[in-house]
Every structure is written in C-alpha cells, then in structure tokens.
Protein backbone atom coordinates (compact mmCIF):
# COMPACT_ATOMS: atom_id res chain seq x y z
CA MET A 1 0.10 -0.16 0.02
CA THR A 2 2.06 2.97 -1.08
CA THR A 3 -0.50 5.99 -0.60
CA ARG A 4 -1.91 5.87 2.96
CA SER A 5 -3.47 9.23 3.64
CA GLY A 6 -6.84 10.27 3.26
CA LYS A 7 -10.10 8.29 3.05
CA CYS A 8 -9.76 4.83 1.73
CA LEU A 9 -12.85 2.82 0.04
CA LEU A 10 -12.36 -0.91 -0.05
CA LEU A 11 -14.42 -2.89 -2.56
CA ASP A 12 -15.61 -6.50 -1.78
CA THR A 13 -15.17 -6.87 -5.68
CA PRO A 14 -17.03 -10.23 -6.02
CA SER A 15 -19.93 -9.25 -3.79
CA LEU A 16 -20.43 -5.93 -6.09
CA TYR A 17 -20.02 -7.79 -9.26
CA PHE A 18 -22.35 -10.53 -8.25
CA ARG A 19 -24.94 -8.02 -7.38
CA ALA A 20 -24.67 -5.98 -10.64
CA TYR A 21 -24.88 -9.31 -12.49
CA PHE A 22 -28.23 -9.96 -10.91
CA GLY A 23 -29.51 -6.30 -10.70
CA VAL A 24 -28.66 -5.47 -14.65
CA PRO A 25 -30.48 -7.49 -17.08
CA ASP A 26 -28.45 -9.86 -19.31
CA SER A 27 -29.72 -8.13 -22.62
CA VAL A 28 -26.90 -5.78 -21.58
CA ARG A 29 -24.50 -7.48 -24.16
CA ALA A 30 -20.94 -6.96 -26.19
CA PRO A 31 -21.42 -6.31 -30.00
CA ASP A 32 -20.84 -10.02 -30.58
CA GLY A 33 -23.71 -10.78 -28.23
CA THR A 34 -21.73 -11.76 -25.10
CA PRO A 35 -23.45 -10.67 -21.74
CA VAL A 36 -21.78 -7.81 -20.29
CA ASN A 37 -24.16 -6.82 -17.64
CA ALA A 38 -21.75 -7.64 -14.58
CA VAL A 39 -19.11 -5.66 -16.11
CA ARG A 40 -20.80 -2.52 -16.87
CA GLY A 41 -22.95 -2.91 -13.84
CA LEU A 42 -19.69 -3.00 -11.63
CA LEU A 43 -18.41 0.26 -13.74
CA ASP A 44 -21.52 1.99 -12.92
CA PHE A 45 -21.47 1.02 -9.09
CA ILE A 46 -17.83 2.51 -9.02
CA ASP A 47 -18.56 5.55 -10.58
CA ARG A 48 -21.36 6.03 -8.42
CA LEU A 49 -19.24 5.26 -5.21
CA VAL A 50 -16.61 7.50 -6.17
CA ARG A 51 -18.87 10.26 -6.97
CA ASP A 52 -20.94 10.13 -3.58
CA HIS A 53 -17.61 9.40 -1.25
CA ARG A 54 -14.76 10.88 -3.22
CA PRO A 55 -12.22 8.40 -1.77
CA ASP A 56 -8.35 9.34 -1.88
CA GLN A 57 -7.69 5.55 -2.18
CA LEU A 58 -9.48 3.16 -4.01
CA VAL A 59 -8.92 -0.82 -3.90
CA ALA A 60 -10.65 -3.66 -5.63
CA CYS A 61 -10.14 -6.64 -3.41
CA MET A 62 -10.72 -10.09 -5.18
CA ASP A 63 -11.03 -13.63 -4.01
CA ALA A 64 -7.72 -15.36 -5.08
CA ASP A 65 -9.19 -18.41 -3.23
CA TRP A 66 -13.14 -18.32 -2.14
CA ARG A 67 -12.77 -21.34 -0.36
CA PRO A 68 -9.22 -21.42 1.53
CA ARG A 69 -8.09 -24.85 2.52
CA TRP A 70 -7.21 -23.75 5.96
CA ARG A 71 -10.54 -22.83 6.72
CA VAL A 72 -11.94 -25.78 5.17
CA GLY A 73 -9.38 -28.09 7.16
CA LEU A 74 -10.99 -26.62 10.59
CA ILE A 75 -14.75 -26.57 9.17
CA PRO A 76 -15.07 -28.95 6.25
CA SER A 77 -18.84 -27.89 5.74
CA TYR A 78 -17.45 -24.20 5.03
CA LYS A 79 -18.96 -23.34 1.85
CA ALA A 80 -19.31 -26.59 0.75
CA HIS A 81 -22.52 -26.34 -0.82
CA ARG A 82 -21.24 -23.90 -3.35
CA VAL A 83 -18.59 -26.07 -4.81
CA ALA A 84 -19.12 -27.02 -8.29
CA ALA A 85 -16.02 -28.79 -8.54
CA GLU A 86 -13.08 -29.79 -6.24
CA HIS A 87 -9.34 -29.65 -7.43
CA GLU A 88 -6.29 -31.18 -5.68
CA SER A 89 -4.17 -28.60 -6.57
CA GLY A 90 -5.57 -24.73 -6.61
CA PRO A 91 -8.66 -23.58 -5.43
CA ASP A 92 -11.99 -25.54 -5.90
CA GLU A 93 -14.46 -24.38 -8.72
CA GLU A 94 -17.34 -22.09 -7.28
CA GLU A 95 -20.78 -22.65 -8.47
CA VAL A 96 -21.17 -19.28 -10.57
CA PRO A 97 -23.76 -18.53 -13.39
CA ASP A 98 -22.85 -19.49 -16.67
CA THR A 99 -23.02 -16.22 -18.26
CA LEU A 100 -20.94 -14.38 -15.06
CA ALA A 101 -17.62 -16.50 -15.15
CA PRO A 102 -16.77 -15.24 -18.38
CA GLN A 103 -17.08 -11.44 -17.21
CA VAL A 104 -14.71 -12.04 -14.25
CA PRO A 105 -11.81 -11.86 -16.55
CA VAL A 106 -12.79 -8.87 -18.66
CA ILE A 107 -13.51 -7.12 -15.15
CA GLU A 108 -10.20 -7.73 -14.19
CA GLU A 109 -8.63 -6.22 -17.49
CA VAL A 110 -10.61 -3.01 -17.33
CA LEU A 111 -9.76 -2.36 -13.75
CA ASP A 112 -6.02 -2.73 -14.53
CA ALA A 113 -6.47 -0.83 -17.73
CA LEU A 114 -7.93 1.80 -15.42
CA GLY A 115 -5.28 1.88 -12.99
CA ILE A 116 -7.83 0.94 -10.08
CA ALA A 117 -5.75 -1.23 -7.64
CA ARG A 118 -6.70 -4.65 -7.68
CA VAL A 119 -5.44 -7.00 -5.31
CA GLY A 120 -6.01 -10.65 -4.42
CA VAL A 121 -3.57 -12.89 -2.52
CA ALA A 122 -3.38 -16.65 -2.91
CA GLY A 123 -4.58 -18.73 -0.37
CA TYR A 124 -7.24 -15.91 0.68
CA GLU A 125 -10.60 -14.52 0.50
CA ALA A 126 -11.43 -10.69 -0.69
CA ASP A 127 -12.59 -10.29 3.04
CA ASP A 128 -9.04 -11.08 4.30
CA VAL A 129 -7.39 -8.77 1.79
CA ILE A 130 -10.06 -5.90 3.05
CA GLY A 131 -9.16 -7.02 6.63
CA THR A 132 -5.61 -6.45 6.16
CA PHE A 133 -5.95 -3.00 4.27
CA THR A 134 -8.31 -1.99 7.05
CA ALA A 135 -5.67 -3.02 9.67
CA ARG A 136 -2.83 -1.13 7.86
CA ALA A 137 -4.80 2.05 7.22
CA GLU A 138 -3.78 5.27 8.74
CA GLY A 139 -6.88 7.11 7.87
CA PRO A 140 -10.78 6.61 7.54
CA VAL A 141 -11.96 3.36 5.75
CA ASP A 142 -15.08 2.73 4.19
CA ILE A 143 -15.78 -0.87 3.22
CA VAL A 144 -18.59 -1.52 0.40
CA THR A 145 -19.64 -5.12 0.58
CA GLY A 146 -23.09 -7.11 0.62
CA ASP A 147 -21.38 -9.36 3.03
CA ARG A 148 -22.36 -8.98 6.77
CA ASP A 149 -19.54 -10.87 7.94
CA LEU A 150 -17.35 -7.81 7.36
CA TYR A 151 -19.49 -6.17 10.01
CA GLN A 152 -16.84 -7.45 12.70
CA LEU A 153 -14.40 -4.67 11.01
CA VAL A 154 -16.55 -1.91 12.21
CA ASP A 155 -14.77 0.18 14.43
CA ASP A 156 -15.86 3.68 15.25
CA ALA A 157 -12.56 4.82 16.93
CA ARG A 158 -10.55 4.45 13.70
CA GLY A 159 -13.29 5.54 11.40
CA VAL A 160 -14.05 1.88 9.85
CA ARG A 161 -17.49 1.71 8.56
CA VAL A 162 -19.43 -0.81 6.53
CA LEU A 163 -21.48 0.71 3.62
CA TYR A 164 -24.19 -2.18 2.76
CA PRO A 165 -26.06 -1.93 -0.53
CA LEU A 166 -29.73 -2.00 -0.16
CA LYS A 167 -30.47 -0.91 -3.76
CA GLY A 168 -27.87 -1.00 -6.19
CA VAL A 169 -25.23 1.18 -4.59
CA GLY A 170 -27.49 4.36 -4.78
CA THR A 171 -28.86 3.37 -1.40
CA LEU A 172 -26.36 2.20 1.13
CA GLN A 173 -26.83 1.34 4.81
CA THR A 174 -24.06 2.88 6.90
CA THR A 175 -22.95 0.66 9.12
CA ASP A 176 -21.28 2.01 12.51
CA GLU A 177 -21.15 0.91 15.97
CA ALA A 178 -24.42 2.69 16.98
CA TRP A 179 -26.10 0.75 14.20
CA LEU A 180 -24.62 -2.45 15.28
CA ARG A 181 -25.50 -2.07 18.94
CA GLU A 182 -28.86 -0.93 17.88
CA LYS A 183 -29.50 -4.08 15.68
CA TYR A 184 -27.63 -7.09 17.36
CA GLY A 185 -26.63 -5.34 20.60
CA VAL A 186 -22.76 -5.74 19.66
CA ASP A 187 -19.98 -3.65 18.80
CA GLY A 188 -17.59 -4.63 15.47
CA ARG A 189 -15.38 -6.71 17.69
CA GLY A 190 -18.35 -8.57 19.04
CA TYR A 191 -20.06 -9.37 15.72
CA ALA A 192 -17.81 -12.11 15.05
CA ASP A 193 -18.37 -13.85 18.03
CA LEU A 194 -22.26 -13.34 17.38
CA ALA A 195 -21.87 -14.81 14.13
CA LEU A 196 -19.76 -17.45 15.27
CA LEU A 197 -22.45 -18.60 17.75
CA ARG A 198 -25.46 -18.00 15.60
CA GLY A 199 -23.94 -19.85 12.56
CA ASP A 200 -24.39 -18.76 8.72
CA PRO A 201 -25.94 -21.40 6.56
CA SER A 202 -24.82 -19.35 3.67
CA ASP A 203 -21.16 -20.07 4.45
CA GLY A 204 -21.75 -23.51 5.83
CA LEU A 205 -21.24 -22.56 9.50
CA PRO A 206 -23.22 -24.86 11.74
CA GLY A 207 -23.22 -22.52 14.84
CA VAL A 208 -24.02 -23.87 18.26
CA PRO A 209 -27.67 -25.34 17.95
CA GLY A 210 -30.37 -23.92 19.99
CA ILE A 211 -28.22 -20.51 20.36
CA GLY A 212 -29.75 -18.15 18.07
CA GLU A 213 -28.61 -14.40 17.43
CA LYS A 214 -30.81 -13.20 20.26
CA THR A 215 -29.47 -15.46 22.70
CA ALA A 216 -25.85 -14.93 21.49
CA ALA A 217 -26.27 -11.18 21.93
CA LYS A 218 -27.53 -11.72 25.78
CA LEU A 219 -24.37 -14.18 26.35
CA LEU A 220 -21.98 -11.79 24.91
CA THR A 221 -23.74 -8.93 27.12
CA GLU A 222 -23.58 -10.70 29.95
CA PHE A 223 -19.92 -12.49 29.69
CA GLY A 224 -18.19 -10.02 27.27
CA ASP A 225 -16.91 -12.22 24.58
CA LEU A 226 -16.79 -15.89 23.52
CA ALA A 227 -14.14 -16.72 25.85
CA GLY A 228 -15.94 -15.31 28.62
CA ILE A 229 -18.86 -17.36 27.52
CA MET A 230 -16.79 -20.65 27.48
CA ALA A 231 -15.31 -19.83 30.81
CA ALA A 232 -19.05 -19.37 32.26
CA VAL A 233 -19.82 -22.90 31.20
CA ASP A 234 -17.05 -24.05 33.91
CA ASP A 235 -18.30 -21.67 36.47
CA PRO A 236 -21.51 -23.44 38.15
CA LYS A 237 -22.45 -19.98 39.45
CA ALA A 238 -22.48 -18.39 36.17
CA LYS A 239 -26.20 -17.31 35.26
CA LEU A 240 -26.47 -19.85 32.34
CA THR A 241 -29.59 -22.13 31.89
CA PRO A 242 -29.07 -25.90 32.22
CA SER A 243 -29.90 -26.24 28.32
CA GLN A 244 -27.53 -23.27 27.17
CA ARG A 245 -24.63 -24.81 29.44
CA LYS A 246 -25.21 -28.36 27.79
CA ARG A 247 -25.31 -27.02 24.18
CA LEU A 248 -22.04 -24.95 24.40
CA ASP A 249 -20.31 -27.65 26.36
CA GLU A 250 -21.31 -30.15 23.38
CA ALA A 251 -20.09 -27.34 20.91
CA ARG A 252 -16.44 -27.15 22.41
CA PRO A 253 -14.95 -28.77 19.32
CA TYR A 254 -16.49 -26.29 17.11
CA VAL A 255 -15.90 -23.37 19.23
CA ALA A 256 -12.59 -23.98 19.51
CA VAL A 257 -11.73 -24.07 15.76
CA ALA A 258 -14.46 -21.54 14.55
CA PRO A 259 -12.71 -18.29 15.38
CA ARG A 260 -10.06 -18.83 12.70
CA VAL A 261 -12.59 -19.46 10.09
CA VAL A 262 -15.14 -16.53 10.91
CA ARG A 263 -12.85 -13.84 11.73
CA VAL A 264 -11.17 -12.45 8.76
CA ALA A 265 -7.44 -12.10 8.66
CA GLY A 266 -5.59 -9.16 9.25
CA ASP A 267 -1.85 -10.37 8.09
CA VAL A 268 -2.22 -11.19 4.45
CA PRO A 269 0.86 -10.79 2.57
CA LEU A 270 -0.30 -7.81 0.34
CA PRO A 271 1.81 -6.94 -2.84
CA GLY A 272 3.20 -3.52 -3.24
CA VAL A 273 0.49 -1.64 -4.87
CA ASP A 274 -0.45 2.28 -5.45
CA THR A 275 -4.10 2.57 -3.91
CA ALA A 276 -4.41 6.14 -5.04
CA LEU A 277 -7.35 6.78 -6.93
CA PRO A 278 -6.49 7.34 -10.62
CA LYS A 279 -7.25 10.44 -12.62
CA THR A 280 -6.35 9.02 -16.06
CA PRO A 281 -6.16 5.42 -17.12
CA ARG A 282 -3.12 3.74 -16.82
CA ASP A 283 -3.26 1.97 -20.08
CA PRO A 284 -5.37 4.08 -22.58
CA ALA A 285 -5.09 2.28 -25.65
CA GLY A 286 -5.67 -0.93 -23.66
CA LEU A 287 -8.75 0.45 -22.22
CA ASN A 288 -10.05 1.90 -25.79
CA THR A 289 -9.73 -1.94 -27.17
CA LEU A 290 -11.47 -3.28 -24.22
CA ALA A 291 -14.15 -0.71 -24.48
CA ALA A 292 -14.68 -1.20 -28.40
CA ARG A 293 -14.22 -5.20 -27.51
CA TRP A 294 -16.98 -5.44 -25.11
CA GLY A 295 -19.15 -2.31 -25.46
CA LEU A 296 -18.88 -0.86 -22.27
CA GLY A 297 -20.34 2.51 -23.77
CA GLY A 298 -21.71 4.91 -21.15
CA SER A 299 -20.75 3.07 -18.44
CA LEU A 300 -17.17 3.57 -18.90
CA THR A 301 -17.37 7.19 -20.27
CA ARG A 302 -19.19 8.31 -17.02
CA LEU A 303 -16.59 6.57 -14.88
CA LEU A 304 -13.71 8.01 -16.68
CA ALA A 305 -15.22 11.65 -16.38
CA THR A 306 -15.75 11.32 -12.55
CA LEU A 307 -12.16 9.96 -12.13
CA GLU A 308 -11.05 13.27 -13.88
CA ALA A 309 -13.09 15.33 -11.98
C-alpha cells in the first residue's frame, strides 16, 4: 500500500459484481452478443461510489481463493454447498452462473487498464484482503460489501464503516457501531463472536445448536466475549440455563476452531500496489480496445469523467 493518507474505499469486488450481474439485465451485451451486464454494472457502481464518497484511495479486493483450504480443514462444511468442482491443486471451483464466469476476467482487465488497484492474494478471500488493508490504514476506511461478515471490522475509533448496498449502490446502509448495537446488541469486535455462535447457513457454518442471534447477543452482553462465555460454562455459579450450558459444552470442538474460520485475516501478505484513486487511465490504448471489444459505452465514459473530476 503506497498511498496511505486520506479516505480509503475498499470494494468487496465479488460481492459487487454478483449484485451487478443480478441487478442489470443480461440483455446488456457486447457487440458479439456476449453478456456484459456484470462488467457494466460494476463500472456503474464504482462511478456512483466515487462520486458520492470521493475517496483518496480505492482498492478492488478480489477472491484469489473463495474457499481457502486452511478454513475447510478446520470446518469441512465451510461453503461446501457452493462447490461446483473440487481440485487437488488450486482453489475449488465455485458454482457461478454460466454467463457470469466469463465476465470476471474482463472485469479484471478493465480495472487494470483504468489503473484501479486490484488485489487478490493466493490462499485468501477478498474479506481477508479487506481486513488487512483495514488493519494497515492510517485514515478512515469505508468498506463496500453485501456480506455482513465484514461488520466485524467496524470500528468508530478508527473511522472504519461498512457501506452495505440496499438497492444498487445508490442506497447504502451506513454501518457504524451505534447501528450494530441497535440491530444486534454488539459492537464490531463482538459481531464475529455473534456470527460464530449463531451460525451462517450461507457459508456452511453450523453455529451452536439452540443458540440463535438474540441468545448469542444476551450471552455476549452478560459475559463479554466468546472466551467469557466458555469460561462461564465451567463456572457453576454463572447465569446460564441448563440447556445453554449443555449446548455450549457439547459445541466445544466447534468453538475451538470456528474463530479462525469466522474472523477475517488481518495479516495477509499484500503486494506493493499504488492505492491512489487514478485520475487518468493507466493504459489508455488498452482501455479503448477493451471498450470497443466489450461495448462498455456510457458506463466507462461516465466513470472516466468522474475520475478526471
């Protein structure tokens, strides 16, 4: 990260291009008829985000491995329901719509030609890249994601917020600690423990049977954090119901490994990249070729004008 001052906008790029794909009709196509709805939709998203939030730095964070083996080794069910094909060497293949998969390399080429920092690190998810950039940032950070897992990074003292798209990226829910406390009864640090206890079927995380979101929040309020809750299981005087004590005691093997799976990494070996928001394209000729080949039209023109402004 070579530019550290000012506001940093971190994009959970896979989350955003999935939203673009489902939000923009697949009738949006290149001159040869190939769907480019995710490509153009993502460019429109970035244009709107830059116009509305005026960041000094912008990073498109990517999944180099959407299901890291070190997470699967700890909890084998992690994202298992989304595997299209398993591979002995390299990442498993994710179940992705047939007309979305070919658009991802185009997105990467366009971001590179624009000069927008694009970072994915082998063995890690985009969430982990975001977590590490956030840990290293010296100024305020806005994280744009449709994944609530990243609520765990919210930190008012450091100026870290999550901007969660409710409709496109024109309507964003600004998630700070006050919002988290009102909604879930926890702050950013507590959200990972809440998610771990509650579980998340969309990620294949079982949680602790019988401990739902409200019970998890009450336990965290009472005992402070996951370690405090598990210490209470061993304390006969602690205010736990017999069923809560039994369920938590039986869940010890899961609770022992789940924190490493649920918490985003903050120590990913990031490459040296210039994160400054580009004013002009890094590769104008290459960008022109891509624009013509894929029919990027007004989506690219608007973004270029916004960057120059």
